[in-house]
């Protein structure tokens, strides 16, 4: 599964599993760039980064519940648990 998650700048190979969002592989890079440009939900020293995870990664379970979608250039955050974004 392709996900976008928060990582520390310079240590992008490590990510915060709780921030994992499922994304389409074809639009992952564009969504990631837009989120970083807007500094969406980022603290100093953090960046959104694209990762590939398997079913046994903790991030996989989180990404099943939250996602970013892109349609007609607009990016939307979607959650499956019915809570506010």
N, C-alpha and C. Protein backbone atom coordinates (compact mmCIF):
# COMPACT_ATOMS: atom_id res chain seq x y z
N UNK A 1 0.85 -1.17 0.00
CA UNK A 1 0.00 0.00 0.00
C UNK A 1 0.90 1.23 0.00
N UNK A 2 0.50 2.22 -0.75
CA UNK A 2 1.22 3.49 -0.78
C UNK A 2 0.60 4.42 0.25
N UNK A 3 1.45 5.00 1.10
CA UNK A 3 0.97 5.91 2.14
C UNK A 3 1.80 7.19 2.14
N UNK A 4 1.25 8.22 2.76
CA UNK A 4 1.99 9.43 3.08
C UNK A 4 1.93 9.56 4.59
N UNK A 5 3.10 9.80 5.20
CA UNK A 5 3.17 9.93 6.65
C UNK A 5 4.18 11.01 7.01
N UNK A 6 4.05 11.56 8.21
CA UNK A 6 5.00 12.55 8.69
C UNK A 6 6.33 11.89 9.05
N UNK A 7 7.41 12.54 8.64
CA UNK A 7 8.76 12.09 8.95
C UNK A 7 9.57 13.29 9.39
N UNK A 8 10.67 13.03 10.07
CA UNK A 8 11.60 14.10 10.42
C UNK A 8 12.47 14.40 9.21
N UNK A 9 12.73 15.67 8.96
CA UNK A 9 13.58 16.06 7.84
C UNK A 9 14.97 15.46 8.05
N UNK A 10 15.47 14.81 7.03
CA UNK A 10 16.76 14.15 7.10
C UNK A 10 16.68 12.70 7.55
N UNK A 11 15.54 12.30 8.07
CA UNK A 11 15.32 10.92 8.52
C UNK A 11 14.01 10.40 7.95
N UNK A 12 13.81 10.63 6.65
CA UNK A 12 12.54 10.30 6.01
C UNK A 12 12.21 8.81 6.00
N UNK A 13 13.22 7.96 6.17
CA UNK A 13 12.97 6.52 6.20
C UNK A 13 12.18 6.11 7.44
N UNK A 14 12.19 6.94 8.48
CA UNK A 14 11.40 6.69 9.68
C UNK A 14 10.16 7.57 9.62
N UNK A 15 9.03 7.06 10.06
CA UNK A 15 7.79 7.83 9.99
C UNK A 15 6.94 7.57 11.22
N UNK A 16 6.00 8.48 11.46
CA UNK A 16 5.04 8.35 12.55
C UNK A 16 3.85 7.56 12.01
N UNK A 17 3.68 6.32 12.45
CA UNK A 17 2.63 5.45 11.92
C UNK A 17 1.23 6.02 12.11
N UNK A 18 1.01 6.75 13.20
CA UNK A 18 -0.32 7.32 13.46
C UNK A 18 -0.72 8.36 12.42
N UNK A 19 0.25 8.91 11.68
CA UNK A 19 -0.06 9.93 10.68
C UNK A 19 -0.18 9.35 9.28
N UNK A 20 -0.13 8.02 9.16
CA UNK A 20 -0.19 7.36 7.85
C UNK A 20 -1.55 7.56 7.21
N UNK A 21 -1.54 8.01 5.97
CA UNK A 21 -2.75 8.20 5.17
C UNK A 21 -2.58 7.45 3.85
N UNK A 22 -3.57 6.68 3.49
CA UNK A 22 -3.56 5.95 2.23
C UNK A 22 -3.69 6.94 1.08
N UNK A 23 -2.94 6.72 0.00
CA UNK A 23 -3.03 7.55 -1.20
C UNK A 23 -2.92 6.67 -2.43
N UNK A 24 -3.43 7.17 -3.53
CA UNK A 24 -3.26 6.47 -4.80
C UNK A 24 -1.80 6.61 -5.24
N UNK A 25 -1.24 5.52 -5.73
CA UNK A 25 0.16 5.54 -6.13
C UNK A 25 0.42 6.59 -7.21
N UNK A 26 -0.54 6.81 -8.09
CA UNK A 26 -0.35 7.74 -9.20
C UNK A 26 -0.32 9.20 -8.76
N UNK A 27 -0.96 9.52 -7.65
CA UNK A 27 -1.00 10.92 -7.21
C UNK A 27 -0.26 11.15 -5.90
N UNK A 28 0.45 10.16 -5.39
CA UNK A 28 1.13 10.27 -4.10
C UNK A 28 2.13 11.42 -4.07
N UNK A 29 2.96 11.54 -5.10
CA UNK A 29 3.99 12.58 -5.12
C UNK A 29 3.36 13.97 -5.16
N UNK A 30 2.33 14.16 -5.98
CA UNK A 30 1.68 15.47 -6.09
C UNK A 30 1.00 15.86 -4.78
N UNK A 31 0.34 14.91 -4.12
CA UNK A 31 -0.31 15.19 -2.84
C UNK A 31 0.73 15.54 -1.79
N UNK A 32 1.81 14.77 -1.76
CA UNK A 32 2.88 15.01 -0.79
C UNK A 32 3.48 16.40 -0.97
N UNK A 33 3.75 16.79 -2.19
CA UNK A 33 4.31 18.12 -2.46
C UNK A 33 3.36 19.23 -2.03
N UNK A 34 2.07 19.05 -2.30
CA UNK A 34 1.08 20.07 -1.92
C UNK A 34 0.96 20.19 -0.40
N UNK A 35 0.97 19.07 0.30
CA UNK A 35 0.88 19.10 1.77
C UNK A 35 2.10 19.78 2.38
N UNK A 36 3.26 19.49 1.84
CA UNK A 36 4.49 20.12 2.34
C UNK A 36 4.51 21.62 2.04
N UNK A 37 4.06 21.99 0.86
CA UNK A 37 4.02 23.41 0.49
C UNK A 37 3.09 24.20 1.41
N UNK A 38 1.96 23.59 1.76
CA UNK A 38 0.98 24.24 2.64
C UNK A 38 1.32 24.07 4.12
N UNK A 39 2.35 23.26 4.42
CA UNK A 39 2.74 22.95 5.81
C UNK A 39 1.54 22.38 6.59
N UNK A 40 0.75 21.54 5.94
CA UNK A 40 -0.46 20.97 6.51
C UNK A 40 -0.13 20.06 7.68
N UNK A 41 -0.58 20.44 8.88
CA UNK A 41 -0.41 19.67 10.12
C UNK A 41 1.05 19.36 10.44
N UNK A 42 1.98 20.19 10.03
CA UNK A 42 3.40 19.94 10.27
C UNK A 42 3.96 20.83 11.37
N UNK A 43 4.82 20.27 12.19
CA UNK A 43 5.60 21.03 13.17
C UNK A 43 6.96 21.32 12.56
N UNK A 44 7.74 22.17 13.19
CA UNK A 44 9.08 22.46 12.71
C UNK A 44 9.90 21.17 12.63
N UNK A 45 10.62 21.02 11.53
CA UNK A 45 11.47 19.85 11.36
C UNK A 45 10.77 18.63 10.81
N UNK A 46 9.49 18.75 10.45
CA UNK A 46 8.73 17.61 9.91
C UNK A 46 8.42 17.83 8.43
N UNK A 47 8.21 16.72 7.75
CA UNK A 47 7.82 16.75 6.35
C UNK A 47 6.92 15.55 6.06
N UNK A 48 6.03 15.68 5.09
CA UNK A 48 5.24 14.55 4.61
C UNK A 48 6.11 13.81 3.62
N UNK A 49 6.07 12.47 3.62
CA UNK A 49 6.91 11.67 2.75
C UNK A 49 6.14 10.43 2.31
N UNK A 50 6.38 9.98 1.10
CA UNK A 50 5.71 8.81 0.53
C UNK A 50 6.45 7.55 0.94
N UNK A 51 5.69 6.53 1.38
CA UNK A 51 6.26 5.25 1.79
C UNK A 51 5.42 4.12 1.20
N UNK A 52 6.04 2.98 1.03
CA UNK A 52 5.34 1.74 0.67
C UNK A 52 5.34 0.85 1.91
N UNK A 53 4.17 0.40 2.33
CA UNK A 53 4.09 -0.46 3.52
C UNK A 53 3.33 -1.74 3.19
N UNK A 54 3.58 -2.76 3.99
CA UNK A 54 2.89 -4.02 3.86
C UNK A 54 1.84 -4.19 4.95
N UNK A 55 1.09 -5.26 4.86
CA UNK A 55 -0.01 -5.50 5.79
C UNK A 55 0.46 -5.69 7.23
N UNK A 56 1.73 -5.98 7.45
CA UNK A 56 2.22 -6.21 8.80
C UNK A 56 2.83 -4.97 9.44
N UNK A 57 2.85 -3.85 8.74
CA UNK A 57 3.33 -2.59 9.31
C UNK A 57 2.21 -1.92 10.09
N UNK A 58 2.56 -1.26 11.19
CA UNK A 58 1.56 -0.53 11.97
C UNK A 58 0.87 0.55 11.15
N UNK A 59 1.62 1.17 10.26
CA UNK A 59 1.07 2.24 9.44
C UNK A 59 -0.07 1.75 8.55
N UNK A 60 -0.05 0.49 8.19
CA UNK A 60 -1.09 -0.08 7.32
C UNK A 60 -2.47 0.05 7.97
N UNK A 61 -2.54 -0.28 9.26
CA UNK A 61 -3.83 -0.21 9.97
C UNK A 61 -4.33 1.23 10.06
N UNK A 62 -3.43 2.17 10.35
CA UNK A 62 -3.83 3.57 10.41
C UNK A 62 -4.28 4.07 9.05
N UNK A 63 -3.58 3.65 7.99
CA UNK A 63 -3.91 4.10 6.64
C UNK A 63 -5.23 3.53 6.15
N UNK A 64 -5.68 2.44 6.73
CA UNK A 64 -6.99 1.90 6.39
C UNK A 64 -8.11 2.83 6.87
N UNK A 65 -7.82 3.65 7.86
CA UNK A 65 -8.83 4.53 8.46
C UNK A 65 -8.77 5.97 7.98
N UNK A 66 -7.67 6.37 7.35
CA UNK A 66 -7.55 7.75 6.89
C UNK A 66 -6.81 7.80 5.56
N UNK A 67 -7.22 8.73 4.71
CA UNK A 67 -6.65 8.82 3.37
C UNK A 67 -6.68 10.26 2.86
N UNK A 68 -5.84 10.51 1.87
CA UNK A 68 -5.90 11.74 1.10
C UNK A 68 -6.32 11.36 -0.31
N UNK A 69 -7.28 12.09 -0.85
CA UNK A 69 -7.71 11.87 -2.23
C UNK A 69 -7.51 13.15 -3.03
N UNK A 70 -7.36 12.99 -4.33
CA UNK A 70 -7.19 14.14 -5.19
C UNK A 70 -8.14 13.99 -6.37
N UNK A 71 -8.94 15.04 -6.59
CA UNK A 71 -9.88 15.02 -7.70
C UNK A 71 -9.96 16.42 -8.28
N UNK A 72 -9.73 16.52 -9.56
CA UNK A 72 -9.74 17.81 -10.26
C UNK A 72 -8.80 18.81 -9.61
N UNK A 73 -7.68 18.34 -9.11
CA UNK A 73 -6.68 19.21 -8.50
C UNK A 73 -6.91 19.53 -7.03
N UNK A 74 -8.07 19.20 -6.50
CA UNK A 74 -8.38 19.46 -5.09
C UNK A 74 -8.00 18.25 -4.25
N UNK A 75 -7.35 18.50 -3.12
CA UNK A 75 -6.95 17.43 -2.21
C UNK A 75 -7.89 17.43 -1.02
N UNK A 76 -8.34 16.25 -0.64
CA UNK A 76 -9.29 16.12 0.47
C UNK A 76 -8.81 15.04 1.43
N UNK A 77 -8.95 15.30 2.70
CA UNK A 77 -8.63 14.31 3.74
C UNK A 77 -9.91 13.57 4.10
N UNK A 78 -9.86 12.24 4.07
CA UNK A 78 -11.03 11.42 4.31
C UNK A 78 -10.73 10.48 5.47
N UNK A 79 -11.69 10.34 6.40
CA UNK A 79 -11.55 9.39 7.50
C UNK A 79 -12.70 8.40 7.47
N UNK A 80 -12.43 7.16 7.84
CA UNK A 80 -13.45 6.11 7.83
C UNK A 80 -14.14 5.95 9.17
N UNK A 81 -13.62 6.57 10.21
CA UNK A 81 -14.19 6.36 11.53
C UNK A 81 -15.31 7.34 11.83
N UNK A 82 -15.63 8.21 10.92
CA UNK A 82 -16.76 9.12 11.10
C UNK A 82 -16.44 10.35 11.92
N UNK A 83 -15.19 10.52 12.33
CA UNK A 83 -14.81 11.69 13.11
C UNK A 83 -14.51 12.89 12.24
N UNK A 84 -14.30 14.01 12.87
CA UNK A 84 -13.92 15.21 12.13
C UNK A 84 -12.49 15.09 11.68
N UNK A 85 -12.18 15.65 10.56
CA UNK A 85 -10.82 15.59 10.00
C UNK A 85 -9.92 16.57 10.70
